[in-house]
Amino acid sequence: MTKSPFTRNTRELNERCRPAKIAGLTGGIASGKTVAAEALKSAGFYVVDADEVSRALTARGTPAEKELMLLFPSTVKKGALDRKALRELISTDESARRKLNAYTHPLIIDEIKKNIASHGTPAIISAPLLFETALSSLCDRIVCVTAPREVRIKRIIERDGVSRSAAYAIISAQIPDCYRATLADYCVPSDADLKTFTAEIVDLFTRIFN
Protein backbone atom coordinates (compact mmCIF):
# COMPACT_ATOMS: atom_id res chain seq x y z
CA MET A 1 0.00 0.00 0.00
CA THR A 2 1.33 3.42 -0.96
CA LYS A 3 2.06 5.63 2.02
CA SER A 4 -0.39 8.48 2.46
CA PRO A 5 0.92 11.96 1.67
CA PHE A 6 -1.13 13.32 4.59
CA THR A 7 1.80 13.26 6.97
CA ARG A 8 0.01 15.39 9.58
CA ASN A 9 -2.83 12.88 9.84
CA THR A 10 -2.62 10.22 12.53
CA ARG A 11 -3.91 7.53 10.17
CA GLU A 12 -3.12 6.51 6.63
CA LEU A 13 -5.54 6.70 3.76
CA ASN A 14 -6.26 3.13 2.73
CA GLU A 15 -6.23 3.34 -1.04
CA ARG A 16 -7.79 -0.10 -1.35
CA CYS A 17 -11.04 1.08 0.27
CA ARG A 18 -13.96 1.71 -2.03
CA PRO A 19 -14.80 5.38 -2.63
CA ALA A 20 -17.10 6.82 0.01
CA LYS A 21 -20.61 8.02 -0.78
CA ILE A 22 -21.10 9.87 2.50
CA ALA A 23 -18.22 11.17 4.59
CA GLY A 24 -18.35 12.72 8.02
CA LEU A 25 -16.50 15.81 9.23
CA THR A 26 -16.34 16.36 12.95
CA GLY A 27 -14.39 18.15 15.66
CA GLY A 28 -15.05 19.85 18.96
CA ILE A 29 -16.09 23.46 19.33
CA ALA A 30 -13.44 25.88 18.00
CA SER A 31 -11.41 23.00 16.56
CA GLY A 32 -11.40 24.39 13.02
CA LYS A 33 -14.21 22.16 11.72
CA THR A 34 -16.22 25.11 10.40
CA VAL A 35 -13.20 26.46 8.51
CA ALA A 36 -12.74 23.01 6.99
CA ALA A 37 -16.41 22.81 6.01
CA GLU A 38 -16.30 26.22 4.33
CA ALA A 39 -13.17 25.22 2.40
CA LEU A 40 -14.92 22.08 1.19
CA LYS A 41 -17.99 24.06 0.09
CA SER A 42 -15.76 26.50 -1.80
CA ALA A 43 -14.12 23.54 -3.52
CA GLY A 44 -17.50 22.35 -4.78
CA PHE A 45 -18.31 19.61 -2.28
CA TYR A 46 -21.89 19.18 -1.05
CA VAL A 47 -21.78 19.75 2.71
CA VAL A 48 -24.73 19.35 5.07
CA ASP A 49 -23.90 21.31 8.21
CA ALA A 50 -25.66 19.98 11.31
CA ASP A 51 -25.27 23.33 13.09
CA GLU A 52 -26.93 25.17 10.20
CA VAL A 53 -29.72 22.59 10.10
CA SER A 54 -30.22 23.02 13.85
CA ARG A 55 -30.36 26.81 13.60
CA ALA A 56 -32.91 26.63 10.79
CA LEU A 57 -35.09 24.16 12.67
CA THR A 58 -35.03 26.26 15.84
CA ALA A 59 -35.23 29.71 14.21
CA ARG A 60 -37.49 32.29 15.77
CA GLY A 61 -41.14 31.40 15.43
CA THR A 62 -40.59 27.76 14.53
CA PRO A 63 -42.36 24.93 16.39
CA ALA A 64 -38.98 23.71 17.64
CA GLU A 65 -38.10 27.09 19.16
CA LYS A 66 -41.45 27.19 20.96
CA GLU A 67 -40.85 23.71 22.34
CA LEU A 68 -37.35 24.67 23.53
CA MET A 69 -38.74 27.71 25.31
CA LEU A 70 -41.14 25.40 27.16
CA LEU A 71 -38.35 22.97 28.00
CA PHE A 72 -35.90 25.68 29.11
CA PRO A 73 -37.89 28.71 30.36
CA SER A 74 -34.81 30.24 32.01
CA THR A 75 -33.28 30.81 28.54
CA VAL A 76 -36.21 32.87 27.23
CA LYS A 77 -35.54 36.58 26.81
CA LYS A 78 -37.92 39.10 25.26
CA GLY A 79 -40.20 36.34 24.03
CA ALA A 80 -37.49 34.45 22.16
CA LEU A 81 -34.95 31.73 22.81
CA ASP A 82 -31.59 33.13 23.91
CA ARG A 83 -29.13 30.74 22.27
CA LYS A 84 -26.17 31.99 24.27
CA ALA A 85 -28.02 31.41 27.53
CA LEU A 86 -29.03 27.92 26.37
CA ARG A 87 -25.45 27.11 25.38
CA GLU A 88 -24.17 28.22 28.79
CA LEU A 89 -26.88 26.20 30.54
CA ILE A 90 -26.11 22.93 28.80
CA SER A 91 -22.37 23.39 29.31
CA THR A 92 -22.84 23.15 33.08
CA ASP A 93 -26.08 21.16 33.49
CA GLU A 94 -25.85 17.59 32.23
CA SER A 95 -29.57 16.88 32.68
CA ALA A 96 -30.42 19.96 30.60
CA ARG A 97 -27.96 18.86 27.92
CA ARG A 98 -29.54 15.41 27.77
CA LYS A 99 -33.01 16.94 27.55
CA LEU A 100 -31.92 19.21 24.69
CA ASN A 101 -30.25 16.38 22.79
CA ALA A 102 -33.20 14.05 23.24
CA TYR A 103 -35.47 16.61 21.61
CA THR A 104 -33.27 18.13 18.90
CA HIS A 105 -31.13 15.22 17.68
CA PRO A 106 -33.96 13.22 16.06
CA LEU A 107 -35.15 16.37 14.27
CA ILE A 108 -31.67 17.22 13.00
CA ILE A 109 -30.89 13.67 11.87
CA ASP A 110 -34.19 13.39 10.00
CA GLU A 111 -33.61 16.72 8.22
CA ILE A 112 -30.05 15.77 7.23
CA LYS A 113 -31.28 12.48 5.79
CA LYS A 114 -33.90 14.38 3.77
CA ASN A 115 -31.29 16.82 2.44
CA ILE A 116 -28.96 14.06 1.29
CA ALA A 117 -31.82 12.04 -0.23
CA SER A 118 -32.86 15.13 -2.17
CA HIS A 119 -29.38 16.14 -3.33
CA GLY A 120 -27.75 12.74 -3.71
CA THR A 121 -24.21 11.60 -3.05
CA PRO A 122 -21.32 12.17 -2.63
CA ALA A 123 -22.10 14.22 0.44
CA ILE A 124 -20.34 15.40 3.57
CA ILE A 125 -22.06 15.59 6.95
CA SER A 126 -20.41 18.22 9.13
CA ALA A 127 -21.39 17.78 12.78
CA PRO A 128 -19.67 18.43 16.12
CA LEU A 129 -21.68 15.61 17.72
CA LEU A 130 -21.24 13.11 14.91
CA PHE A 131 -20.29 10.30 17.28
CA GLU A 132 -22.80 11.24 19.99
CA THR A 133 -25.67 10.83 17.54
CA ALA A 134 -26.67 8.28 14.94
CA LEU A 135 -25.07 10.43 12.22
CA SER A 136 -21.78 8.54 12.35
CA SER A 137 -23.58 5.38 11.23
CA LEU A 138 -24.49 7.13 7.96
CA CYS A 139 -20.85 7.78 7.05
CA ASP A 140 -18.52 5.54 5.07
CA ARG A 141 -15.48 7.49 6.28
CA ILE A 142 -14.99 10.10 9.03
CA VAL A 143 -12.46 12.92 9.33
CA CYS A 144 -11.81 14.60 12.68
CA VAL A 145 -10.35 18.10 12.92
CA THR A 146 -8.35 18.73 16.09
CA ALA A 147 -6.67 21.61 17.87
CA PRO A 148 -4.89 22.00 21.23
CA ARG A 149 -7.24 22.81 24.12
CA GLU A 150 -5.58 26.17 24.81
CA VAL A 151 -6.02 27.18 21.17
CA ARG A 152 -9.69 26.26 21.33
CA ILE A 153 -10.21 28.16 24.59
CA LYS A 154 -8.64 31.28 23.06
CA ARG A 155 -10.82 30.98 19.95
CA ILE A 156 -14.02 30.66 22.01
CA ILE A 157 -13.15 33.65 24.20
CA GLU A 158 -12.40 35.81 21.15
CA ARG A 159 -15.43 34.61 19.18
CA ASP A 160 -18.12 34.52 21.87
CA GLY A 161 -16.83 37.03 24.41
CA VAL A 162 -17.11 34.58 27.30
CA SER A 163 -14.83 34.04 30.27
CA ARG A 164 -12.03 31.50 30.28
CA SER A 165 -13.94 29.32 32.76
CA ALA A 166 -17.03 29.40 30.54
CA ALA A 167 -14.97 28.45 27.48
CA TYR A 168 -13.38 25.60 29.43
CA ALA A 169 -16.81 24.36 30.55
CA ILE A 170 -18.12 24.37 26.97
CA ILE A 171 -15.18 22.27 25.79
CA SER A 172 -15.43 19.91 28.76
CA ALA A 173 -19.09 19.25 28.00
CA GLN A 174 -18.07 17.54 24.74
CA ILE A 175 -16.20 14.30 24.27
CA PRO A 176 -12.40 14.79 24.21
CA ASP A 177 -10.37 14.88 21.01
CA CYS A 178 -8.55 11.69 21.98
CA TYR A 179 -11.88 9.84 21.91
CA ARG A 180 -12.88 11.32 18.55
CA ALA A 181 -9.45 10.45 17.16
CA THR A 182 -9.92 6.83 18.16
CA LEU A 183 -13.26 6.61 16.38
CA ALA A 184 -12.38 8.65 13.27
CA ASP A 185 -10.68 7.25 10.20
CA TYR A 186 -8.45 10.31 9.71
CA CYS A 187 -7.41 13.21 11.95
CA VAL A 188 -6.22 16.58 10.69
CA PRO A 189 -4.78 19.15 13.13
CA SER A 190 -5.87 22.71 12.39
CA ASP A 191 -2.85 24.39 13.95
CA ALA A 192 -1.08 24.79 10.62
CA ASP A 193 -1.37 28.01 8.62
CA LEU A 194 -4.81 28.45 7.02
CA LYS A 195 -3.70 27.78 3.44
CA THR A 196 -1.95 24.53 4.36
CA PHE A 197 -4.81 23.32 6.54
CA THR A 198 -7.58 23.97 4.02
CA ALA A 199 -5.56 22.51 1.14
CA GLU A 200 -4.96 19.36 3.15
CA ILE A 201 -8.66 19.03 3.97
CA VAL A 202 -9.76 19.47 0.36
CA ASP A 203 -7.13 17.03 -0.89
CA LEU A 204 -8.07 14.40 1.69
CA PHE A 205 -11.79 14.52 0.89
CA THR A 206 -11.04 14.43 -2.81
CA ARG A 207 -9.22 11.15 -2.28
CA ILE A 208 -11.93 9.79 0.02
CA PHE A 209 -14.54 10.20 -2.72
CA ASN A 210 -12.35 8.86 -5.54
C-alpha atoms as a PDB file:
ATOM      1  CA  MET A   1       0.000   0.000   0.000  1.00  0.00           C
ATOM      2  CA  THR A   2       1.325   3.420  -0.961  1.00  0.00           C
ATOM      3  CA  LYS A   3       2.056   5.630   2.025  1.00  0.00           C
ATOM      4  CA  SER A   4      -0.394   8.479   2.461  1.00  0.00           C
ATOM      5  CA  PRO A   5       0.915  11.965   1.665  1.00  0.00           C
ATOM      6  CA  PHE A   6      -1.128  13.317   4.588  1.00  0.00           C
ATOM      7  CA  THR A   7       1.804  13.264   6.975  1.00  0.00           C
ATOM      8  CA  ARG A   8       0.014  15.395   9.576  1.00  0.00           C
ATOM      9  CA  ASN A   9      -2.829  12.876   9.845  1.00  0.00           C
ATOM     10  CA  THR A  10      -2.620  10.216  12.532  1.00  0.00           C
ATOM     11  CA  ARG A  11      -3.906   7.533  10.167  1.00  0.00           C
ATOM     12  CA  GLU A  12      -3.119   6.511   6.631  1.00  0.00           C
ATOM     13  CA  LEU A  13      -5.541   6.705   3.758  1.00  0.00           C
ATOM     14  CA  ASN A  14      -6.259   3.131   2.729  1.00  0.00           C
ATOM     15  CA  GLU A  15      -6.235   3.343  -1.041  1.00  0.00           C
ATOM     16  CA  ARG A  16      -7.793  -0.100  -1.353  1.00  0.00           C
ATOM     17  CA  CYS A  17     -11.041   1.083   0.273  1.00  0.00           C
ATOM     18  CA  ARG A  18     -13.956   1.706  -2.030  1.00  0.00           C
ATOM     19  CA  PRO A  19     -14.803   5.381  -2.632  1.00  0.00           C
ATOM     20  CA  ALA A  20     -17.101   6.824   0.007  1.00  0.00           C
ATOM     21  CA  LYS A  21     -20.611   8.020  -0.783  1.00  0.00           C
ATOM     22  CA  ILE A  22     -21.105   9.866   2.499  1.00  0.00           C
ATOM     23  CA  ALA A  23     -18.220  11.171   4.592  1.00  0.00           C
ATOM     24  CA  GLY A  24     -18.352  12.721   8.024  1.00  0.00           C
ATOM     25  CA  LEU A  25     -16.499  15.814   9.225  1.00  0.00           C
ATOM     26  CA  THR A  26     -16.335  16.359  12.953  1.00  0.00           C
ATOM     27  CA  GLY A  27     -14.391  18.154  15.663  1.00  0.00           C
ATOM     28  CA  GLY A  28     -15.050  19.851  18.961  1.00  0.00           C
ATOM     29  CA  ILE A  29     -16.092  23.457  19.325  1.00  0.00           C
ATOM     30  CA  ALA A  30     -13.442  25.880  17.997  1.00  0.00           C
ATOM     31  CA  SER A  31     -11.413  22.996  16.561  1.00  0.00           C
ATOM     32  CA  GLY A  32     -11.402  24.389  13.017  1.00  0.00           C
ATOM     33  CA  LYS A  33     -14.207  22.164  11.724  1.00  0.00           C
ATOM     34  CA  THR A  34     -16.217  25.109  10.400  1.00  0.00           C
ATOM     35  CA  VAL A  35     -13.204  26.461   8.515  1.00  0.00           C
ATOM     36  CA  ALA A  36     -12.743  23.015   6.994  1.00  0.00           C
ATOM     37  CA  ALA A  37     -16.413  22.813   6.012  1.00  0.00           C
ATOM     38  CA  GLU A  38     -16.298  26.220   4.333  1.00  0.00           C
ATOM     39  CA  ALA A  39     -13.175  25.222   2.397  1.00  0.00           C
ATOM     40  CA  LEU A  40     -14.919  22.082   1.190  1.00  0.00           C
ATOM     41  CA  LYS A  41     -17.991  24.058   0.094  1.00  0.00           C
ATOM     42  CA  SER A  42     -15.765  26.500  -1.800  1.00  0.00           C
ATOM     43  CA  ALA A  43     -14.117  23.541  -3.521  1.00  0.00           C
ATOM     44  CA  GLY A  44     -17.504  22.352  -4.777  1.00  0.00           C
ATOM     45  CA  PHE A  45     -18.313  19.610  -2.283  1.00  0.00           C
ATOM     46  CA  TYR A  46     -21.885  19.180  -1.052  1.00  0.00           C
ATOM     47  CA  VAL A  47     -21.785  19.747   2.713  1.00  0.00           C
ATOM     48  CA  VAL A  48     -24.734  19.351   5.065  1.00  0.00           C
ATOM     49  CA  ASP A  49     -23.896  21.305   8.210  1.00  0.00           C
ATOM     50  CA  ALA A  50     -25.664  19.981  11.314  1.00  0.00           C
ATOM     51  CA  ASP A  51     -25.272  23.331  13.088  1.00  0.00           C
ATOM     52  CA  GLU A  52     -26.930  25.171  10.200  1.00  0.00           C
ATOM     53  CA  VAL A  53     -29.723  22.593  10.104  1.00  0.00           C
ATOM     54  CA  SER A  54     -30.217  23.023  13.852  1.00  0.00           C
ATOM     55  CA  ARG A  55     -30.358  26.811  13.604  1.00  0.00           C
ATOM     56  CA  ALA A  56     -32.909  26.631  10.792  1.00  0.00           C
ATOM     57  CA  LEU A  57     -35.090  24.162  12.670  1.00  0.00           C
ATOM     58  CA  THR A  58     -35.031  26.265  15.843  1.00  0.00           C
ATOM     59  CA  ALA A  59     -35.234  29.711  14.212  1.00  0.00           C
ATOM     60  CA  ARG A  60     -37.489  32.294  15.772  1.00  0.00           C
ATOM     61  CA  GLY A  61     -41.137  31.403  15.434  1.00  0.00           C
ATOM     62  CA  THR A  62     -40.594  27.762  14.527  1.00  0.00           C
ATOM     63  CA  PRO A  63     -42.363  24.934  16.389  1.00  0.00           C
ATOM     64  CA  ALA A  64     -38.980  23.712  17.640  1.00  0.00           C
ATOM     65  CA  GLU A  65     -38.104  27.089  19.163  1.00  0.00           C
ATOM     66  CA  LYS A  66     -41.447  27.190  20.956  1.00  0.00           C
ATOM     67  CA  GLU A  67     -40.846  23.709  22.339  1.00  0.00           C
ATOM     68  CA  LEU A  68     -37.355  24.667  23.534  1.00  0.00           C
ATOM     69  CA  MET A  69     -38.741  27.709  25.313  1.00  0.00           C
ATOM     70  CA  LEU A  70     -41.142  25.403  27.158  1.00  0.00           C
ATOM     71  CA  LEU A  71     -38.352  22.972  28.000  1.00  0.00           C
ATOM     72  CA  PHE A  72     -35.901  25.685  29.110  1.00  0.00           C
ATOM     73  CA  PRO A  73     -37.894  28.712  30.357  1.00  0.00           C
ATOM     74  CA  SER A  74     -34.812  30.243  32.009  1.00  0.00           C
ATOM     75  CA  THR A  75     -33.280  30.808  28.543  1.00  0.00           C
ATOM     76  CA  VAL A  76     -36.211  32.868  27.230  1.00  0.00           C
ATOM     77  CA  LYS A  77     -35.537  36.585  26.814  1.00  0.00           C
ATOM     78  CA  LYS A  78     -37.915  39.098  25.260  1.00  0.00           C
ATOM     79  CA  GLY A  79     -40.196  36.339  24.031  1.00  0.00           C
ATOM     80  CA  ALA A  80     -37.487  34.449  22.155  1.00  0.00           C
ATOM     81  CA  LEU A  81     -34.954  31.727  22.807  1.00  0.00           C
ATOM     82  CA  ASP A  82     -31.588  33.125  23.909  1.00  0.00           C
ATOM     83  CA  ARG A  83     -29.132  30.740  22.274  1.00  0.00           C
ATOM     84  CA  LYS A  84     -26.167  31.992  24.271  1.00  0.00           C
ATOM     85  CA  ALA A  85     -28.022  31.405  27.528  1.00  0.00           C
ATOM     86  CA  LEU A  86     -29.028  27.923  26.373  1.00  0.00           C
ATOM     87  CA  ARG A  87     -25.446  27.111  25.380  1.00  0.00           C
ATOM     88  CA  GLU A  88     -24.167  28.217  28.786  1.00  0.00           C
ATOM     89  CA  LEU A  89     -26.880  26.197  30.540  1.00  0.00           C
ATOM     90  CA  ILE A  90     -26.107  22.926  28.799  1.00  0.00           C
ATOM     91  CA  SER A  91     -22.366  23.390  29.313  1.00  0.00           C
ATOM     92  CA  THR A  92     -22.845  23.150  33.080  1.00  0.00           C
ATOM     93  CA  ASP A  93     -26.079  21.160  33.489  1.00  0.00           C
ATOM     94  CA  GLU A  94     -25.852  17.587  32.229  1.00  0.00           C
ATOM     95  CA  SER A  95     -29.568  16.883  32.676  1.00  0.00           C
ATOM     96  CA  ALA A  96     -30.416  19.961  30.601  1.00  0.00           C
ATOM     97  CA  ARG A  97     -27.960  18.858  27.918  1.00  0.00           C
ATOM     98  CA  ARG A  98     -29.543  15.413  27.771  1.00  0.00           C
ATOM     99  CA  LYS A  99     -33.006  16.937  27.547  1.00  0.00           C
ATOM    100  CA  LEU A 100     -31.924  19.212  24.691  1.00  0.00           C
ATOM    101  CA  ASN A 101     -30.248  16.381  22.789  1.00  0.00           C
ATOM    102  CA  ALA A 102     -33.205  14.047  23.244  1.00  0.00           C
ATOM    103  CA  TYR A 103     -35.472  16.607  21.606  1.00  0.00           C
ATOM    104  CA  THR A 104     -33.267  18.129  18.896  1.00  0.00           C
ATOM    105  CA  HIS A 105     -31.128  15.222  17.679  1.00  0.00           C
ATOM    106  CA  PRO A 106     -33.955  13.218  16.056  1.00  0.00           C
ATOM    107  CA  LEU A 107     -35.152  16.373  14.273  1.00  0.00           C
ATOM    108  CA  ILE A 108     -31.674  17.224  13.002  1.00  0.00           C
ATOM    109  CA  ILE A 109     -30.889  13.673  11.867  1.00  0.00           C
ATOM    110  CA  ASP A 110     -34.189  13.386   9.998  1.00  0.00           C
ATOM    111  CA  GLU A 111     -33.609  16.720   8.217  1.00  0.00           C
ATOM    112  CA  ILE A 112     -30.051  15.769   7.226  1.00  0.00           C
ATOM    113  CA  LYS A 113     -31.277  12.482   5.786  1.00  0.00           C
ATOM    114  CA  LYS A 114     -33.895  14.376   3.773  1.00  0.00           C
ATOM    115  CA  ASN A 115     -31.295  16.818   2.441  1.00  0.00           C
ATOM    116  CA  ILE A 116     -28.961  14.055   1.292  1.00  0.00           C
ATOM    117  CA  ALA A 117     -31.819  12.041  -0.229  1.00  0.00           C
ATOM    118  CA  SER A 118     -32.864  15.132  -2.175  1.00  0.00           C
ATOM    119  CA  HIS A 119     -29.382  16.141  -3.334  1.00  0.00           C
ATOM    120  CA  GLY A 120     -27.755  12.739  -3.711  1.00  0.00           C
ATOM    121  CA  THR A 121     -24.208  11.600  -3.051  1.00  0.00           C
ATOM    122  CA  PRO A 122     -21.322  12.165  -2.631  1.00  0.00           C
ATOM    123  CA  ALA A 123     -22.105  14.219   0.439  1.00  0.00           C
ATOM    124  CA  ILE A 124     -20.344  15.398   3.574  1.00  0.00           C
ATOM    125  CA  ILE A 125     -22.058  15.595   6.951  1.00  0.00           C
ATOM    126  CA  SER A 126     -20.411  18.221   9.135  1.00  0.00           C
ATOM    127  CA  ALA A 127     -21.386  17.777  12.778  1.00  0.00           C
ATOM    128  CA  PRO A 128     -19.673  18.428  16.122  1.00  0.00           C
ATOM    129  CA  LEU A 129     -21.684  15.612  17.715  1.00  0.00           C
ATOM    130  CA  LEU A 130     -21.244  13.108  14.907  1.00  0.00           C
ATOM    131  CA  PHE A 131     -20.290  10.295  17.284  1.00  0.00           C
ATOM    132  CA  GLU A 132     -22.802  11.235  19.988  1.00  0.00           C
ATOM    133  CA  THR A 133     -25.671  10.829  17.542  1.00  0.00           C
ATOM    134  CA  ALA A 134     -26.669   8.278  14.936  1.00  0.00           C
ATOM    135  CA  LEU A 135     -25.071  10.426  12.221  1.00  0.00           C
ATOM    136  CA  SER A 136     -21.780   8.543  12.351  1.00  0.00           C
ATOM    137  CA  SER A 137     -23.585   5.382  11.226  1.00  0.00           C
ATOM    138  CA  LEU A 138     -24.491   7.129   7.959  1.00  0.00           C
ATOM    139  CA  CYS A 139     -20.847   7.775   7.052  1.00  0.00           C
ATOM    140  CA  ASP A 140     -18.517   5.535   5.069  1.00  0.00           C
ATOM    141  CA  ARG A 141     -15.484   7.486   6.282  1.00  0.00           C
ATOM    142  CA  ILE A 142     -14.993  10.097   9.033  1.00  0.00           C
ATOM    143  CA  VAL A 143     -12.463  12.922   9.327  1.00  0.00           C
ATOM    144  CA  CYS A 144     -11.812  14.597  12.675  1.00  0.00           C
ATOM    145  CA  VAL A 145     -10.351  18.100  12.924  1.00  0.00           C
ATOM    146  CA  THR A 146      -8.354  18.726  16.089  1.00  0.00           C
ATOM    147  CA  ALA A 147      -6.671  21.613  17.875  1.00  0.00           C
ATOM    148  CA  PRO A 148      -4.890  21.998  21.231  1.00  0.00           C
ATOM    149  CA  ARG A 149      -7.243  22.806  24.124  1.00  0.00           C
ATOM    150  CA  GLU A 150      -5.582  26.166  24.806  1.00  0.00           C
ATOM    151  CA  VAL A 151      -6.019  27.183  21.175  1.00  0.00           C
ATOM    152  CA  ARG A 152      -9.692  26.259  21.333  1.00  0.00           C
ATOM    153  CA  ILE A 153     -10.212  28.163  24.588  1.00  0.00           C
ATOM    154  CA  LYS A 154      -8.642  31.278  23.059  1.00  0.00           C
ATOM    155  CA  ARG A 155     -10.819  30.979  19.947  1.00  0.00           C
ATOM    156  CA  ILE A 156     -14.016  30.659  22.014  1.00  0.00           C
ATOM    157  CA  ILE A 157     -13.148  33.648  24.196  1.00  0.00           C
ATOM    158  CA  GLU A 158     -12.401  35.809  21.147  1.00  0.00           C
ATOM    159  CA  ARG A 159     -15.433  34.612  19.180  1.00  0.00           C
ATOM    160  CA  ASP A 160     -18.115  34.521  21.875  1.00  0.00           C
ATOM    161  CA  GLY A 161     -16.831  37.026  24.415  1.00  0.00           C
ATOM    162  CA  VAL A 162     -17.115  34.580  27.301  1.00  0.00           C
ATOM    163  CA  SER A 163     -14.829  34.043  30.272  1.00  0.00           C
ATOM    164  CA  ARG A 164     -12.033  31.499  30.283  1.00  0.00           C
ATOM    165  CA  SER A 165     -13.941  29.321  32.762  1.00  0.00           C
ATOM    166  CA  ALA A 166     -17.030  29.402  30.538  1.00  0.00           C
ATOM    167  CA  ALA A 167     -14.972  28.446  27.485  1.00  0.00           C
ATOM    168  CA  TYR A 168     -13.379  25.599  29.428  1.00  0.00           C
ATOM    169  CA  ALA A 169     -16.814  24.363  30.553  1.00  0.00           C
ATOM    170  CA  ILE A 170     -18.123  24.371  26.966  1.00  0.00           C
ATOM    171  CA  ILE A 171     -15.181  22.270  25.786  1.00  0.00           C
ATOM    172  CA  SER A 172     -15.426  19.915  28.755  1.00  0.00           C
ATOM    173  CA  ALA A 173     -19.095  19.251  28.000  1.00  0.00           C
ATOM    174  CA  GLN A 174     -18.072  17.541  24.744  1.00  0.00           C
ATOM    175  CA  ILE A 175     -16.196  14.298  24.275  1.00  0.00           C
ATOM    176  CA  PRO A 176     -12.396  14.792  24.211  1.00  0.00           C
ATOM    177  CA  ASP A 177     -10.366  14.884  21.006  1.00  0.00           C
ATOM    178  CA  CYS A 178      -8.549  11.687  21.983  1.00  0.00           C
ATOM    179  CA  TYR A 179     -11.875   9.844  21.909  1.00  0.00           C
ATOM    180  CA  ARG A 180     -12.878  11.324  18.551  1.00  0.00           C
ATOM    181  CA  ALA A 181      -9.448  10.452  17.155  1.00  0.00           C
ATOM    182  CA  THR A 182      -9.920   6.827  18.162  1.00  0.00           C
ATOM    183  CA  LEU A 183     -13.260   6.609  16.375  1.00  0.00           C
ATOM    184  CA  ALA A 184     -12.377   8.652  13.272  1.00  0.00           C
ATOM    185  CA  ASP A 185     -10.678   7.254  10.196  1.00  0.00           C
ATOM    186  CA  TYR A 186      -8.448  10.309   9.710  1.00  0.00           C
ATOM    187  CA  CYS A 187      -7.410  13.207  11.945  1.00  0.00           C
ATOM    188  CA  VAL A 188      -6.218  16.577  10.685  1.00  0.00           C
ATOM    189  CA  PRO A 189      -4.782  19.149  13.129  1.00  0.00           C
ATOM    190  CA  SER A 190      -5.868  22.711  12.388  1.00  0.00           C
ATOM    191  CA  ASP A 191      -2.847  24.392  13.951  1.00  0.00           C
ATOM    192  CA  ALA A 192      -1.079  24.792  10.615  1.00  0.00           C
ATOM    193  CA  ASP A 193      -1.375  28.006   8.622  1.00  0.00           C
ATOM    194  CA  LEU A 194      -4.811  28.449   7.021  1.00  0.00           C
ATOM    195  CA  LYS A 195      -3.695  27.778   3.440  1.00  0.00           C
ATOM    196  CA  THR A 196      -1.951  24.525   4.357  1.00  0.00           C
ATOM    197  CA  PHE A 197      -4.807  23.316   6.541  1.00  0.00           C
ATOM    198  CA  THR A 198      -7.578  23.974   4.024  1.00  0.00           C
ATOM    199  CA  ALA A 199      -5.555  22.511   1.142  1.00  0.00           C
ATOM    200  CA  GLU A 200      -4.964  19.356   3.150  1.00  0.00           C
ATOM    201  CA  ILE A 201      -8.664  19.034   3.971  1.00  0.00           C
ATOM    202  CA  VAL A 202      -9.762  19.470   0.355  1.00  0.00           C
ATOM    203  CA  ASP A 203      -7.126  17.033  -0.886  1.00  0.00           C
ATOM    204  CA  LEU A 204      -8.069  14.404   1.692  1.00  0.00           C
ATOM    205  CA  PHE A 205     -11.791  14.520   0.890  1.00  0.00           C
ATOM    206  CA  THR A 206     -11.043  14.431  -2.813  1.00  0.00           C
ATOM    207  CA  ARG A 207      -9.219  11.154  -2.279  1.00  0.00           C
ATOM    208  CA  ILE A 208     -11.931   9.793   0.021  1.00  0.00           C
ATOM    209  CA  PHE A 209     -14.545  10.201  -2.715  1.00  0.00           C
ATOM    210  CA  ASN A 210     -12.352   8.860  -5.538  1.00  0.00           C
END
